[in-house]
Amino acid sequence: MSDSVPEATVVEETVEVEPEYDPAAPAPLNVPRTPTGNADVDAQLERLGDADHLATDGHLEVYEDVHRGLRDALTALDARPGPPAPPSTYQSRS
């Protein structure tokens, strides 16, 4: 007979802890963004998706950036020369 004590086996139980629900945590809105056909405008609309992963206080920077980009895109559309004016059918009467 031996004086040694058999080694006790320790079984560790793992308890899964579910993450707490935080209503203030960033959550994607999953709002569909339909392409407009204008690459500049579409790029700005896609940028709105960046706000999905930010806390609310970070949204303002994204919204201001998108607003600035949309304003620039619309200004560029106004600056493009339009089609030439149709020729006048009236002759100058003096």
PDB file of N, CA and C in Angstrom:
ATOM      1  N   MET A   1       0.833  -1.160   0.000  1.00  0.00           N
ATOM      2  CA  MET A   1       0.000   0.000   0.000  1.00  0.00           C
ATOM      3  C   MET A   1       0.879   1.224   0.000  1.00  0.00           C
ATOM      4  N   SER A   2       0.444   2.242  -0.702  1.00  0.00           N
ATOM      5  CA  SER A   2       1.235   3.455  -0.850  1.00  0.00           C
ATOM      6  C   SER A   2       0.621   4.575  -0.033  1.00  0.00           C
ATOM      7  N   ASP A   3       1.497   5.440   0.482  1.00  0.00           N
ATOM      8  CA  ASP A   3       1.007   6.582   1.254  1.00  0.00           C
ATOM      9  C   ASP A   3       0.606   7.758   0.367  1.00  0.00           C
ATOM     10  N   SER A   4       0.773   7.649  -0.891  1.00  0.00           N
ATOM     11  CA  SER A   4       0.434   8.782  -1.778  1.00  0.00           C
ATOM     12  C   SER A   4      -1.072   8.872  -1.975  1.00  0.00           C
ATOM     13  N   VAL A   5      -1.512  10.085  -2.045  1.00  0.00           N
ATOM     14  CA  VAL A   5      -2.942  10.357  -2.222  1.00  0.00           C
ATOM     15  C   VAL A   5      -3.195  10.562  -3.713  1.00  0.00           C
ATOM     16  N   PRO A   6      -4.206   9.904  -4.235  1.00  0.00           N
ATOM     17  CA  PRO A   6      -4.477  10.112  -5.667  1.00  0.00           C
ATOM     18  C   PRO A   6      -4.849  11.571  -5.939  1.00  0.00           C
ATOM     19  N   GLU A   7      -4.376  12.033  -7.079  1.00  0.00           N
ATOM     20  CA  GLU A   7      -4.605  13.436  -7.453  1.00  0.00           C
ATOM     21  C   GLU A   7      -6.062  13.633  -7.837  1.00  0.00           C
ATOM     22  N   ALA A   8      -6.661  14.654  -7.284  1.00  0.00           N
ATOM     23  CA  ALA A   8      -8.073  14.940  -7.570  1.00  0.00           C
ATOM     24  C   ALA A   8      -8.190  15.601  -8.939  1.00  0.00           C
ATOM     25  N   THR A   9      -9.180  15.198  -9.669  1.00  0.00           N
ATOM     26  CA  THR A   9      -9.423  15.786 -10.978  1.00  0.00           C
ATOM     27  C   THR A   9     -10.419  16.925 -10.827  1.00  0.00           C
ATOM     28  N   VAL A  10     -10.014  18.079 -11.322  1.00  0.00           N
ATOM     29  CA  VAL A  10     -10.885  19.260 -11.233  1.00  0.00           C
ATOM     30  C   VAL A  10     -11.523  19.478 -12.599  1.00  0.00           C
ATOM     31  N   VAL A  11     -12.820  19.515 -12.599  1.00  0.00           N
ATOM     32  CA  VAL A  11     -13.551  19.756 -13.840  1.00  0.00           C
ATOM     33  C   VAL A  11     -14.071  21.189 -13.798  1.00  0.00           C
ATOM     34  N   GLU A  12     -13.633  21.967 -14.781  1.00  0.00           N
ATOM     35  CA  GLU A  12     -14.091  23.357 -14.838  1.00  0.00           C
ATOM     36  C   GLU A  12     -15.292  23.444 -15.769  1.00  0.00           C
ATOM     37  N   GLU A  13     -16.303  24.098 -15.292  1.00  0.00           N
ATOM     38  CA  GLU A  13     -17.484  24.313 -16.130  1.00  0.00           C
ATOM     39  C   GLU A  13     -17.403  25.703 -16.728  1.00  0.00           C
ATOM     40  N   THR A  14     -17.667  25.765 -17.994  1.00  0.00           N
ATOM     41  CA  THR A  14     -17.681  27.078 -18.654  1.00  0.00           C
ATOM     42  C   THR A  14     -19.118  27.530 -18.786  1.00  0.00           C
ATOM     43  N   VAL A  15     -19.338  28.679 -18.279  1.00  0.00           N
ATOM     44  CA  VAL A  15     -20.674  29.257 -18.365  1.00  0.00           C
ATOM     45  C   VAL A  15     -20.613  30.375 -19.394  1.00  0.00           C
ATOM     46  N   GLU A  16     -21.433  30.240 -20.421  1.00  0.00           N
ATOM     47  CA  GLU A  16     -21.459  31.285 -21.440  1.00  0.00           C
ATOM     48  C   GLU A  16     -22.263  32.467 -20.927  1.00  0.00           C
ATOM     49  N   VAL A  17     -21.637  33.599 -21.009  1.00  0.00           N
ATOM     50  CA  VAL A  17     -22.308  34.820 -20.575  1.00  0.00           C
ATOM     51  C   VAL A  17     -22.762  35.553 -21.827  1.00  0.00           C
ATOM     52  N   GLU A  18     -24.052  35.781 -21.905  1.00  0.00           N
ATOM     53  CA  GLU A  18     -24.563  36.508 -23.062  1.00  0.00           C
ATOM     54  C   GLU A  18     -24.246  37.984 -22.898  1.00  0.00           C
ATOM     55  N   PRO A  19     -23.845  38.635 -23.996  1.00  0.00           N
ATOM     56  CA  PRO A  19     -23.546  40.058 -23.884  1.00  0.00           C
ATOM     57  C   PRO A  19     -24.808  40.834 -23.520  1.00  0.00           C
ATOM     58  N   GLU A  20     -24.596  41.844 -22.706  1.00  0.00           N
ATOM     59  CA  GLU A  20     -25.734  42.667 -22.305  1.00  0.00           C
ATOM     60  C   GLU A  20     -26.246  43.455 -23.495  1.00  0.00           C
ATOM     61  N   TYR A  21     -27.539  43.641 -23.531  1.00  0.00           N
ATOM     62  CA  TYR A  21     -28.130  44.454 -24.581  1.00  0.00           C
ATOM     63  C   TYR A  21     -27.976  45.912 -24.191  1.00  0.00           C
ATOM     64  N   ASP A  22     -27.360  46.673 -25.054  1.00  0.00           N
ATOM     65  CA  ASP A  22     -27.169  48.095 -24.801  1.00  0.00           C
ATOM     66  C   ASP A  22     -27.935  48.856 -25.877  1.00  0.00           C
ATOM     67  N   PRO A  23     -29.067  49.458 -25.520  1.00  0.00           N
ATOM     68  CA  PRO A  23     -29.857  50.163 -26.532  1.00  0.00           C
ATOM     69  C   PRO A  23     -29.124  51.353 -27.126  1.00  0.00           C
ATOM     70  N   ALA A  24     -28.093  51.850 -26.455  1.00  0.00           N
ATOM     71  CA  ALA A  24     -27.346  52.994 -26.972  1.00  0.00           C
ATOM     72  C   ALA A  24     -26.176  52.563 -27.853  1.00  0.00           C
ATOM     73  N   ALA A  25     -25.950  51.267 -27.976  1.00  0.00           N
ATOM     74  CA  ALA A  25     -24.838  50.780 -28.790  1.00  0.00           C
ATOM     75  C   ALA A  25     -25.151  51.000 -30.270  1.00  0.00           C
ATOM     76  N   PRO A  26     -24.115  51.226 -31.073  1.00  0.00           N
ATOM     77  CA  PRO A  26     -24.339  51.408 -32.507  1.00  0.00           C
ATOM     78  C   PRO A  26     -24.965  50.158 -33.117  1.00  0.00           C
ATOM     79  N   ALA A  27     -25.936  50.373 -33.967  1.00  0.00           N
ATOM     80  CA  ALA A  27     -26.591  49.266 -34.662  1.00  0.00           C
ATOM     81  C   ALA A  27     -26.941  49.720 -36.067  1.00  0.00           C
ATOM     82  N   PRO A  28     -26.632  48.912 -37.059  1.00  0.00           N
ATOM     83  CA  PRO A  28     -26.949  49.295 -38.431  1.00  0.00           C
ATOM     84  C   PRO A  28     -28.453  49.419 -38.632  1.00  0.00           C
ATOM     85  N   LEU A  29     -28.845  50.414 -39.405  1.00  0.00           N
ATOM     86  CA  LEU A  29     -30.261  50.611 -39.703  1.00  0.00           C
ATOM     87  C   LEU A  29     -30.697  49.763 -40.891  1.00  0.00           C
ATOM     88  N   ASN A  30     -29.727  49.324 -41.684  1.00  0.00           N
ATOM     89  CA  ASN A  30     -30.003  48.508 -42.870  1.00  0.00           C
ATOM     90  C   ASN A  30     -30.983  49.182 -43.816  1.00  0.00           C
ATOM     91  N   VAL A  31     -30.815  50.483 -43.986  1.00  0.00           N
ATOM     92  CA  VAL A  31     -31.649  51.224 -44.928  1.00  0.00           C
ATOM     93  C   VAL A  31     -31.062  51.002 -46.318  1.00  0.00           C
ATOM     94  N   PRO A  32     -31.869  50.520 -47.256  1.00  0.00           N
ATOM     95  CA  PRO A  32     -31.332  50.294 -48.604  1.00  0.00           C
ATOM     96  C   PRO A  32     -30.999  51.625 -49.279  1.00  0.00           C
ATOM     97  N   ARG A  33     -29.876  51.643 -49.978  1.00  0.00           N
ATOM     98  CA  ARG A  33     -29.469  52.838 -50.711  1.00  0.00           C
ATOM     99  C   ARG A  33     -29.503  52.499 -52.191  1.00  0.00           C
ATOM    100  N   THR A  34     -30.486  53.044 -52.871  1.00  0.00           N
ATOM    101  CA  THR A  34     -30.674  52.777 -54.292  1.00  0.00           C
ATOM    102  C   THR A  34     -29.746  53.673 -55.105  1.00  0.00           C
ATOM    103  N   PRO A  35     -28.977  53.105 -56.018  1.00  0.00           N
ATOM    104  CA  PRO A  35     -28.083  53.924 -56.842  1.00  0.00           C
ATOM    105  C   PRO A  35     -28.867  54.959 -57.652  1.00  0.00           C
ATOM    106  N   THR A  36     -28.286  56.147 -57.759  1.00  0.00           N
ATOM    107  CA  THR A  36     -28.940  57.232 -58.494  1.00  0.00           C
ATOM    108  C   THR A  36     -28.466  57.308 -59.932  1.00  0.00           C
ATOM    109  N   GLY A  37     -27.328  56.702 -60.217  1.00  0.00           N
ATOM    110  CA  GLY A  37     -26.769  56.803 -61.557  1.00  0.00           C
ATOM    111  C   GLY A  37     -25.683  57.866 -61.638  1.00  0.00           C
ATOM    112  N   ASN A  38     -25.572  58.697 -60.611  1.00  0.00           N
ATOM    113  CA  ASN A  38     -24.522  59.709 -60.551  1.00  0.00           C
ATOM    114  C   ASN A  38     -23.480  59.204 -59.559  1.00  0.00           C
ATOM    115  N   ALA A  39     -22.261  58.980 -60.041  1.00  0.00           N
ATOM    116  CA  ALA A  39     -21.217  58.374 -59.206  1.00  0.00           C
ATOM    117  C   ALA A  39     -20.905  59.211 -57.971  1.00  0.00           C
ATOM    118  N   ASP A  40     -20.883  60.540 -58.108  1.00  0.00           N
ATOM    119  CA  ASP A  40     -20.574  61.401 -56.957  1.00  0.00           C
ATOM    120  C   ASP A  40     -21.658  61.301 -55.890  1.00  0.00           C
ATOM    121  N   VAL A  41     -22.902  61.326 -56.308  1.00  0.00           N
ATOM    122  CA  VAL A  41     -24.023  61.240 -55.360  1.00  0.00           C
ATOM    123  C   VAL A  41     -24.059  59.854 -54.722  1.00  0.00           C
ATOM    124  N   ASP A  42     -23.873  58.814 -55.524  1.00  0.00           N
ATOM    125  CA  ASP A  42     -23.888  57.447 -54.992  1.00  0.00           C
ATOM    126  C   ASP A  42     -22.789  57.239 -53.952  1.00  0.00           C
ATOM    127  N   ALA A  43     -21.615  57.813 -54.179  1.00  0.00           N
ATOM    128  CA  ALA A  43     -20.515  57.681 -53.217  1.00  0.00           C
ATOM    129  C   ALA A  43     -20.882  58.341 -51.891  1.00  0.00           C
ATOM    130  N   GLN A  44     -21.550  59.472 -51.953  1.00  0.00           N
ATOM    131  CA  GLN A  44     -21.957  60.159 -50.721  1.00  0.00           C
ATOM    132  C   GLN A  44     -23.036  59.366 -49.989  1.00  0.00           C
ATOM    133  N   LEU A  45     -23.963  58.799 -50.719  1.00  0.00           N
ATOM    134  CA  LEU A  45     -25.013  58.003 -50.079  1.00  0.00           C
ATOM    135  C   LEU A  45     -24.431  56.756 -49.423  1.00  0.00           C
ATOM    136  N   GLU A  46     -23.438  56.144 -50.041  1.00  0.00           N
ATOM    137  CA  GLU A  46     -22.777  54.984 -49.436  1.00  0.00           C
ATOM    138  C   GLU A  46     -22.042  55.390 -48.165  1.00  0.00           C
ATOM    139  N   ARG A  47     -21.539  56.601 -48.143  1.00  0.00           N
ATOM    140  CA  ARG A  47     -20.826  57.114 -46.954  1.00  0.00           C
ATOM    141  C   ARG A  47     -21.751  57.145 -45.742  1.00  0.00           C
ATOM    142  N   LEU A  48     -23.054  57.305 -45.965  1.00  0.00           N
ATOM    143  CA  LEU A  48     -24.000  57.297 -44.846  1.00  0.00           C
ATOM    144  C   LEU A  48     -23.932  55.986 -44.064  1.00  0.00           C
ATOM    145  N   GLY A  49     -23.551  54.906 -44.730  1.00  0.00           N
ATOM    146  CA  GLY A  49     -23.422  53.615 -44.058  1.00  0.00           C
ATOM    147  C   GLY A  49     -22.358  53.622 -42.969  1.00  0.00           C
ATOM    148  N   ASP A  50     -21.415  54.568 -43.041  1.00  0.00           N
ATOM    149  CA  ASP A  50     -20.385  54.662 -42.004  1.00  0.00           C
ATOM    150  C   ASP A  50     -20.984  55.019 -40.651  1.00  0.00           C
ATOM    151  N   ALA A  51     -22.121  55.686 -40.656  1.00  0.00           N
ATOM    152  CA  ALA A  51     -22.760  56.083 -39.395  1.00  0.00           C
ATOM    153  C   ALA A  51     -23.334  54.872 -38.658  1.00  0.00           C
ATOM    154  N   ASP A  52     -23.569  53.777 -39.366  1.00  0.00           N
ATOM    155  CA  ASP A  52     -24.141  52.580 -38.740  1.00  0.00           C
ATOM    156  C   ASP A  52     -23.261  52.025 -37.620  1.00  0.00           C
ATOM    157  N   HIS A  53     -21.965  52.234 -37.716  1.00  0.00           N
ATOM    158  CA  HIS A  53     -21.043  51.628 -36.757  1.00  0.00           C
ATOM    159  C   HIS A  53     -20.524  52.631 -35.729  1.00  0.00           C
ATOM    160  N   LEU A  54     -21.091  53.835 -35.734  1.00  0.00           N
ATOM    161  CA  LEU A  54     -20.649  54.872 -34.807  1.00  0.00           C
ATOM    162  C   LEU A  54     -21.695  55.114 -33.735  1.00  0.00           C
ATOM    163  N   ALA A  55     -21.232  55.577 -32.601  1.00  0.00           N
ATOM    164  CA  ALA A  55     -22.170  56.018 -31.571  1.00  0.00           C
ATOM    165  C   ALA A  55     -22.865  57.276 -32.086  1.00  0.00           C
ATOM    166  N   THR A  56     -23.967  57.614 -31.478  1.00  0.00           N
ATOM    167  CA  THR A  56     -24.778  58.733 -31.947  1.00  0.00           C
ATOM    168  C   THR A  56     -23.982  60.022 -32.060  1.00  0.00           C
ATOM    169  N   ASP A  57     -23.070  60.266 -31.139  1.00  0.00           N
ATOM    170  CA  ASP A  57     -22.313  61.517 -31.198  1.00  0.00           C
ATOM    171  C   ASP A  57     -21.356  61.564 -32.389  1.00  0.00           C
ATOM    172  N   GLY A  58     -21.103  60.453 -33.047  1.00  0.00           N
ATOM    173  CA  GLY A  58     -20.261  60.433 -34.239  1.00  0.00           C
ATOM    174  C   GLY A  58     -21.036  60.629 -35.531  1.00  0.00           C
ATOM    175  N   HIS A  59     -22.360  60.588 -35.463  1.00  0.00           N
ATOM    176  CA  HIS A  59     -23.176  60.726 -36.669  1.00  0.00           C
ATOM    177  C   HIS A  59     -23.048  62.107 -37.291  1.00  0.00           C
ATOM    178  N   LEU A  60     -22.945  63.128 -36.468  1.00  0.00           N
ATOM    179  CA  LEU A  60     -22.928  64.498 -36.970  1.00  0.00           C
ATOM    180  C   LEU A  60     -21.808  64.712 -37.973  1.00  0.00           C
ATOM    181  N   GLU A  61     -20.624  64.212 -37.667  1.00  0.00           N
ATOM    182  CA  GLU A  61     -19.493  64.383 -38.574  1.00  0.00           C
ATOM    183  C   GLU A  61     -19.768  63.720 -39.924  1.00  0.00           C
ATOM    184  N   VAL A  62     -20.348  62.528 -39.903  1.00  0.00           N
ATOM    185  CA  VAL A  62     -20.661  61.827 -41.153  1.00  0.00           C
ATOM    186  C   VAL A  62     -21.728  62.595 -41.932  1.00  0.00           C
ATOM    187  N   TYR A  63     -22.790  63.030 -41.245  1.00  0.00           N
ATOM    188  CA  TYR A  63     -23.871  63.746 -41.922  1.00  0.00           C
ATOM    189  C   TYR A  63     -23.378  65.050 -42.538  1.00  0.00           C
ATOM    190  N   GLU A  64     -22.535  65.779 -41.809  1.00  0.00           N
ATOM    191  CA  GLU A  64     -22.006  67.030 -42.355  1.00  0.00           C
ATOM    192  C   GLU A  64     -21.125  66.762 -43.564  1.00  0.00           C
ATOM    193  N   ASP A  65     -20.323  65.704 -43.503  1.00  0.00           N
ATOM    194  CA  ASP A  65     -19.459  65.348 -44.621  1.00  0.00           C
ATOM    195  C   ASP A  65     -20.291  64.975 -45.848  1.00  0.00           C
ATOM    196  N   VAL A  66     -21.336  64.182 -45.638  1.00  0.00           N
ATOM    197  CA  VAL A  66     -22.204  63.776 -46.748  1.00  0.00           C
ATOM    198  C   VAL A  66     -22.935  64.990 -47.314  1.00  0.00           C
ATOM    199  N   HIS A  67     -23.431  65.852 -46.450  1.00  0.00           N
ATOM    200  CA  HIS A  67     -24.136  67.050 -46.910  1.00  0.00           C
ATOM    201  C   HIS A  67     -23.211  67.920 -47.762  1.00  0.00           C
ATOM    202  N   ARG A  68     -21.982  68.094 -47.306  1.00  0.00           N
ATOM    203  CA  ARG A  68     -21.003  68.884 -48.054  1.00  0.00           C
ATOM    204  C   ARG A  68     -20.743  68.242 -49.421  1.00  0.00           C
ATOM    205  N   GLY A  69     -20.576  66.928 -49.434  1.00  0.00           N
ATOM    206  CA  GLY A  69     -20.319  66.230 -50.692  1.00  0.00           C
ATOM    207  C   GLY A  69     -21.489  66.311 -51.653  1.00  0.00           C
ATOM    208  N   LEU A  70     -22.723  66.180 -51.130  1.00  0.00           N
ATOM    209  CA  LEU A  70     -23.904  66.292 -51.997  1.00  0.00           C
ATOM    210  C   LEU A  70     -24.044  67.707 -52.544  1.00  0.00           C
ATOM    211  N   ARG A  71     -23.776  68.692 -51.701  1.00  0.00           N
ATOM    212  CA  ARG A  71     -23.855  70.083 -52.155  1.00  0.00           C
ATOM    213  C   ARG A  71     -22.832  70.327 -53.265  1.00  0.00           C
ATOM    214  N   ASP A  72     -21.616  69.798 -53.109  1.00  0.00           N
ATOM    215  CA  ASP A  72     -20.588  69.953 -54.138  1.00  0.00           C
ATOM    216  C   ASP A  72     -20.997  69.251 -55.432  1.00  0.00           C
ATOM    217  N   ALA A  73     -21.588  68.065 -55.312  1.00  0.00           N
ATOM    218  CA  ALA A  73     -22.024  67.324 -56.503  1.00  0.00           C
ATOM    219  C   ALA A  73     -23.125  68.082 -57.239  1.00  0.00           C
ATOM    220  N   LEU A  74     -24.067  68.646 -56.490  1.00  0.00           N
ATOM    221  CA  LEU A  74     -25.146  69.406 -57.130  1.00  0.00           C
ATOM    222  C   LEU A  74     -24.625  70.699 -57.741  1.00  0.00           C
ATOM    223  N   THR A  75     -23.687  71.347 -57.092  1.00  0.00           N
ATOM    224  CA  THR A  75     -23.086  72.562 -57.649  1.00  0.00           C
ATOM    225  C   THR A  75     -22.360  72.234 -58.944  1.00  0.00           C
ATOM    226  N   ALA A  76     -21.673  71.095 -58.980  1.00  0.00           N
ATOM    227  CA  ALA A  76     -20.970  70.684 -60.197  1.00  0.00           C
ATOM    228  C   ALA A  76     -21.953  70.432 -61.336  1.00  0.00           C
ATOM    229  N   LEU A  77     -23.124  69.894 -61.005  1.00  0.00           N
ATOM    230  CA  LEU A  77     -24.133  69.676 -62.050  1.00  0.00           C
ATOM    231  C   LEU A  77     -24.624  71.004 -62.615  1.00  0.00           C
ATOM    232  N   ASP A  78     -24.782  72.007 -61.751  1.00  0.00           N
ATOM    233  CA  ASP A  78     -25.228  73.323 -62.210  1.00  0.00           C
ATOM    234  C   ASP A  78     -24.165  74.022 -63.036  1.00  0.00           C
ATOM    235  N   ALA A  79     -22.900  73.732 -62.781  1.00  0.00           N
ATOM    236  CA  ALA A  79     -21.806  74.413 -63.467  1.00  0.00           C
ATOM    237  C   ALA A  79     -21.553  73.858 -64.864  1.00  0.00           C
ATOM    238  N   ARG A  80     -22.045  72.687 -65.142  1.00  0.00           N
ATOM    239  CA  ARG A  80     -21.827  72.098 -66.467  1.00  0.00           C
ATOM    240  C   ARG A  80     -22.598  72.895 -67.514  1.00  0.00           C
ATOM    241  N   PRO A  81     -21.970  73.114 -68.639  1.00  0.00           N
ATOM    242  CA  PRO A  81     -22.702  73.835 -69.688  1.00  0.00           C
ATOM    243  C   PRO A  81     -23.834  72.964 -70.224  1.00  0.00           C
ATOM    244  N   GLY A  82     -24.954  73.589 -70.417  1.00  0.00           N
ATOM    245  CA  GLY A  82     -26.104  72.877 -70.946  1.00  0.00           C
ATOM    246  C   GLY A  82     -26.038  72.814 -72.457  1.00  0.00           C
ATOM    247  N   PRO A  83     -27.071  72.288 -73.048  1.00  0.00           N
ATOM    248  CA  PRO A  83     -27.098  72.231 -74.512  1.00  0.00           C
ATOM    249  C   PRO A  83     -27.181  73.653 -75.071  1.00  0.00           C
ATOM    250  N   PRO A  84     -26.708  73.835 -76.282  1.00  0.00           N
ATOM    251  CA  PRO A  84     -26.763  75.176 -76.868  1.00  0.00           C
ATOM    252  C   PRO A  84     -28.214  75.624 -77.042  1.00  0.00           C
ATOM    253  N   ALA A  85     -28.403  76.916 -76.956  1.00  0.00           N
ATOM    254  CA  ALA A  85     -29.748  77.472 -77.124  1.00  0.00           C
ATOM    255  C   ALA A  85     -30.190  77.265 -78.570  1.00  0.00           C
ATOM    256  N   PRO A  86     -31.470  77.023 -78.769  1.00  0.00           N
ATOM    257  CA  PRO A  86     -31.944  76.848 -80.146  1.00  0.00           C
ATOM    258  C   PRO A  86     -31.799  78.159 -80.922  1.00  0.00           C
ATOM    259  N   PRO A  87     -31.565  78.041 -82.199  1.00  0.00           N
ATOM    260  CA  PRO A  87     -31.405  79.264 -82.999  1.00  0.00           C
ATOM    261  C   PRO A  87     -32.715  80.057 -83.019  1.00  0.00           C
ATOM    262  N   SER A  88     -32.560  81.331 -83.052  1.00  0.00           N
ATOM    263  CA  SER A  88     -33.729  82.207 -83.063  1.00  0.00           C
ATOM    264  C   SER A  88     -34.383  82.158 -84.439  1.00  0.00           C
ATOM    265  N   THR A  89     -35.681  82.013 -84.462  1.00  0.00           N
ATOM    266  CA  THR A  89     -36.395  81.985 -85.744  1.00  0.00           C
ATOM    267  C   THR A  89     -36.800  83.382 -86.181  1.00  0.00           C
ATOM    268  N   TYR A  90     -36.676  84.317 -85.280  1.00  0.00           N
ATOM    269  CA  TYR A  90     -37.025  85.693 -85.627  1.00  0.00           C
ATOM    270  C   TYR A  90     -35.774  86.437 -86.061  1.00  0.00           C
ATOM    271  N   GLN A  91     -35.927  87.208 -87.080  1.00  0.00           N
ATOM    272  CA  GLN A  91     -34.818  88.031 -87.532  1.00  0.00           C
ATOM    273  C   GLN A  91     -34.908  89.370 -86.836  1.00  0.00           C
ATOM    274  N   SER A  92     -33.808  89.959 -86.699  1.00  0.00           N
ATOM    275  CA  SER A  92     -33.753  91.253 -86.048  1.00  0.00           C
ATOM    276  C   SER A  92     -34.517  92.262 -86.892  1.00  0.00           C
ATOM    277  N   ARG A  93     -35.493  92.931 -86.291  1.00  0.00           N
ATOM    278  CA  ARG A  93     -36.277  93.937 -87.016  1.00  0.00           C
ATOM    279  C   ARG A  93     -35.842  95.315 -86.549  1.00  0.00           C
ATOM    280  N   SER A  94     -35.455  96.127 -87.469  1.00  0.00           N
ATOM    281  CA  SER A  94     -35.050  97.472 -87.111  1.00  0.00           C
ATOM    282  C   SER A  94     -35.873  98.486 -87.832  1.00  0.00           C
TER     283      SER A  94
END
